[in-house]
Protein backbone atom coordinates (compact mmCIF):
# COMPACT_ATOMS: atom_id res chain seq x y z
CA MET A 1 -0.88 -81.94 -7.93
CA GLY A 2 -3.95 -83.76 -10.04
CA TYR A 3 -7.23 -85.59 -7.30
CA LEU A 4 -6.78 -84.17 -4.29
CA ASN A 5 -7.71 -88.28 -3.56
CA HIS A 6 -6.50 -87.25 0.71
CA ILE A 7 -7.17 -84.55 2.99
CA SER A 8 -3.10 -84.97 3.65
CA ARG A 9 -2.82 -83.49 0.03
CA LEU A 10 -4.41 -80.12 1.13
CA ARG A 11 -2.01 -77.53 0.55
CA ILE A 12 -3.03 -73.75 1.33
CA PHE A 13 -1.08 -71.04 -0.68
CA PRO A 14 1.17 -68.97 1.89
CA PHE A 15 -0.73 -65.47 -0.25
CA ALA A 16 -4.53 -67.37 -0.25
CA PRO A 17 -5.82 -66.06 3.28
CA LEU A 18 -4.79 -62.30 2.99
CA ALA A 19 -6.25 -62.54 -0.68
CA VAL A 20 -9.62 -64.21 0.37
CA ARG A 21 -10.10 -61.91 3.25
CA ARG A 22 -9.43 -58.27 1.32
CA LEU A 23 -11.99 -60.15 -1.12
CA ASN A 24 -14.25 -59.92 2.24
CA GLN A 25 -13.52 -56.99 3.26
CA ALA A 26 -14.15 -55.00 -0.11
CA GLY A 27 -18.19 -56.52 0.07
CA PHE A 28 -17.20 -59.45 -2.43
CA PRO A 29 -18.52 -63.03 -1.54
CA VAL A 30 -16.07 -66.04 -2.10
CA ILE A 31 -17.94 -69.12 -3.40
CA VAL A 32 -15.34 -72.04 -4.45
CA VAL A 33 -17.45 -73.92 -6.72
CA THR A 34 -15.20 -77.14 -8.49
CA ASN A 35 -15.67 -79.96 -10.42
CA GLN A 36 -14.92 -83.28 -8.11
CA SER A 37 -15.16 -86.56 -11.21
CA GLY A 38 -12.79 -88.18 -8.57
CA ALA A 39 -15.49 -88.96 -6.44
CA SER A 40 -17.95 -90.57 -8.94
CA ARG A 41 -14.77 -92.40 -11.01
CA GLY A 42 -14.29 -93.98 -7.04
CA ILE A 43 -11.25 -92.49 -7.00
CA PHE A 44 -11.52 -90.84 -3.92
CA PRO A 45 -15.13 -91.18 -1.73
CA GLU A 46 -17.60 -88.44 -1.69
CA SER A 47 -17.02 -88.04 2.11
CA LEU A 48 -13.78 -86.08 1.02
CA VAL A 49 -14.58 -83.52 -0.71
CA HIS A 50 -16.72 -82.34 2.25
CA GLU A 51 -13.93 -82.77 4.74
CA VAL A 52 -11.90 -80.92 2.52
CA HIS A 53 -13.64 -77.71 2.28
CA GLU A 54 -14.62 -78.25 6.04
CA ARG A 55 -10.58 -78.08 6.55
CA LEU A 56 -9.81 -75.38 3.42
CA ALA A 57 -12.34 -72.95 5.33
CA HIS A 58 -11.71 -73.97 9.04
CA ASP A 59 -8.14 -72.66 7.81
CA LEU A 60 -8.90 -69.84 6.05
CA ALA A 61 -11.05 -68.86 9.11
CA VAL A 62 -7.85 -69.00 11.36
CA SER A 63 -6.49 -66.56 9.21
CA GLY A 64 -9.64 -64.37 9.37
CA ALA A 65 -10.69 -64.82 5.97
CA ARG A 66 -14.59 -66.62 5.26
CA ILE A 67 -15.41 -69.11 2.48
CA ASP A 68 -19.34 -68.25 1.41
CA ALA A 69 -19.93 -70.87 -0.04
CA PHE A 70 -18.89 -74.51 -1.78
CA TYR A 71 -20.10 -75.97 -4.74
CA TYR A 72 -19.07 -79.09 -6.57
CA CYS A 73 -20.39 -81.41 -9.07
CA PRO A 74 -18.89 -85.32 -8.25
CA HIS A 75 -20.70 -86.14 -12.21
CA ARG A 76 -17.83 -87.50 -15.04
CA ARG A 77 -18.20 -84.96 -18.98
CA GLU A 78 -20.71 -88.34 -19.78
CA ASP A 79 -22.68 -88.55 -16.50
CA GLY A 80 -24.29 -85.37 -18.64
CA CYS A 81 -24.92 -82.84 -15.14
CA THR A 82 -26.05 -78.82 -15.55
CA CYS A 83 -23.48 -78.91 -13.22
CA ARG A 84 -19.72 -79.65 -14.52
CA LYS A 85 -17.76 -76.67 -15.42
CA PRO A 86 -17.91 -75.17 -17.86
CA LEU A 87 -21.46 -75.46 -18.28
CA THR A 88 -23.45 -73.07 -15.29
CA GLY A 89 -25.58 -75.09 -12.79
CA MET A 90 -23.68 -74.90 -9.90
CA LEU A 91 -22.57 -70.75 -10.59
CA GLU A 92 -27.13 -70.51 -10.98
CA ARG A 93 -27.24 -71.97 -7.92
CA ALA A 94 -25.04 -70.00 -5.85
CA ALA A 95 -26.97 -66.34 -7.51
CA ARG A 96 -30.17 -67.96 -6.55
CA GLU A 97 -29.31 -68.59 -3.01
CA HIS A 98 -26.55 -65.88 -2.40
CA ALA A 99 -28.15 -63.12 -4.44
CA ILE A 100 -25.83 -62.58 -6.87
CA GLU A 101 -25.36 -60.80 -9.93
CA LEU A 102 -23.69 -63.11 -12.73
CA ARG A 103 -23.11 -60.85 -15.30
CA GLY A 104 -20.22 -58.72 -14.23
CA SER A 105 -18.89 -61.02 -11.28
CA TRP A 106 -15.64 -62.55 -11.86
CA VAL A 107 -14.69 -65.98 -11.59
CA VAL A 108 -10.98 -66.88 -11.03
CA GLY A 109 -9.16 -70.22 -11.39
CA ASP A 110 -6.45 -71.83 -13.31
CA ARG A 111 -8.34 -74.41 -16.50
CA GLY A 112 -10.04 -73.20 -19.42
CA VAL A 113 -13.38 -74.01 -17.61
CA ASP A 114 -12.96 -71.40 -15.51
CA VAL A 115 -12.98 -68.09 -19.22
CA GLU A 116 -15.62 -70.74 -20.00
CA LEU A 117 -17.49 -70.55 -17.59
CA ALA A 118 -17.60 -67.19 -16.24
CA SER A 119 -18.20 -66.43 -20.41
CA ARG A 120 -21.69 -68.51 -20.77
CA THR A 121 -22.48 -66.58 -17.15
CA GLY A 122 -22.03 -63.28 -18.55
CA GLY A 123 -18.76 -62.73 -15.55
CA ARG A 124 -15.50 -62.14 -16.60
CA GLY A 125 -12.19 -64.32 -15.87
CA VAL A 126 -9.33 -64.36 -14.72
CA LEU A 127 -7.01 -67.69 -14.96
CA VAL A 128 -3.91 -67.74 -12.06
CA LEU A 129 -1.22 -69.21 -13.47
CA THR A 130 -0.88 -71.33 -10.04
CA GLY A 131 -2.14 -75.41 -10.08
CA TYR A 132 -2.82 -75.46 -14.16
CA GLY A 133 -2.33 -72.24 -15.08
CA ARG A 134 0.57 -71.47 -16.80
CA GLY A 135 0.38 -75.14 -19.30
CA GLU A 136 -3.39 -74.13 -19.89
CA GLN A 137 -1.80 -70.40 -20.52
CA GLN A 138 1.03 -71.80 -23.19
CA TRP A 139 -0.66 -74.60 -24.80
CA TYR A 140 -4.54 -74.40 -24.45
CA MET A 141 -5.25 -70.50 -24.02
CA PRO A 142 -4.66 -69.12 -27.33
CA LYS A 143 -7.32 -71.93 -28.75
CA TRP A 144 -10.11 -71.35 -26.30
CA PRO A 145 -13.65 -69.23 -28.03
CA HIS A 146 -13.12 -66.36 -25.11
CA GLN A 147 -9.93 -65.21 -23.44
CA PRO A 148 -10.05 -64.12 -19.86
CA GLU A 149 -9.92 -60.78 -18.73
CA PHE A 150 -6.60 -61.22 -17.33
CA VAL A 151 -3.69 -63.09 -15.93
CA ALA A 152 -2.10 -63.58 -12.78
CA ASP A 153 0.22 -64.87 -11.00
CA ASP A 154 -1.49 -66.35 -8.50
CA LEU A 155 -4.67 -65.69 -6.59
CA ALA A 156 -3.30 -62.70 -4.81
CA ALA A 157 -2.22 -60.92 -8.04
CA ALA A 158 -5.90 -61.69 -9.31
CA VAL A 159 -7.72 -60.14 -6.30
CA GLU A 160 -4.81 -57.21 -6.71
CA GLY A 161 -6.00 -56.83 -10.41
CA ILE A 162 -10.13 -57.39 -9.68
CA LEU A 163 -10.16 -54.86 -6.66
CA GLU A 164 -8.11 -52.08 -8.92
CA ARG A 165 -10.62 -52.51 -12.11
CA GLU A 166 -13.66 -52.50 -9.97
CA ALA A 167 -12.54 -49.34 -7.82
CA ALA A 168 -11.55 -48.03 -11.53
CA ARG A 169 -15.57 -49.04 -12.64
CA GLU A 170 -17.28 -47.36 -9.71
CA ASN A 171 -14.69 -43.84 -10.79
CA GLU A 172 -15.65 -43.80 -14.01
CA ALA A 173 -19.82 -44.41 -12.72
CA LEU A 174 -19.61 -41.58 -10.50
CA ASP A 175 -17.48 -39.35 -13.07
CA SER A 176 -20.61 -40.39 -15.17
CA THR A 177 -22.86 -38.94 -13.03
CA PRO A 178 -24.57 -35.90 -13.97
CA PRO A 179 -23.89 -33.30 -11.50
CA VAL A 180 -27.30 -32.63 -9.31
CA ALA A 181 -28.62 -28.33 -9.94
CA GLY A 182 -26.76 -26.26 -6.71
CA ALA A 183 -23.91 -28.71 -6.29
CA THR A 184 -20.32 -30.02 -7.55
CA ARG A 185 -19.22 -33.31 -7.64
CA GLY A 186 -17.61 -34.46 -5.27
CA SER A 187 -19.21 -32.94 -1.93
CA ALA A 188 -21.39 -34.71 0.26
């Protein structure tokens, strides 16, 4: 819906709390990184960014879901900061503050900058078709220098795809581990 310039415009998809909760239960840190140049452009006060994050965290918590951290860049492209997506500053800070290995981590978003951010940090990008995603896929994705790991209809489908791929990767790692003498694979 464009700039979220008033708290009343915040909408949480009904599937989002369960999707976030599934990531929480699987042990994934859930961190929001967002460009919010509307603050520096005077479209809304920077305090609104904090208010939206607090409301989002609260509304998800009511459903048993948790956002571990929020990071935002209030700058415009021309400000020359290092945090505005697809630059990696916000993810690097999150990695330091939350002991996250960025290589192989997942970035889910509805814009090409999210997929590019994943690529720049050695992560894996997922494009969701909600928000700007459908338009990005149709008009811009064919020209992106890096393609997403996969495209999902929404956050719920993205989480399902991430969990499936992680389970397959873990199974592959177990299958490639040489057996210990006197033990068979799968024994305890």
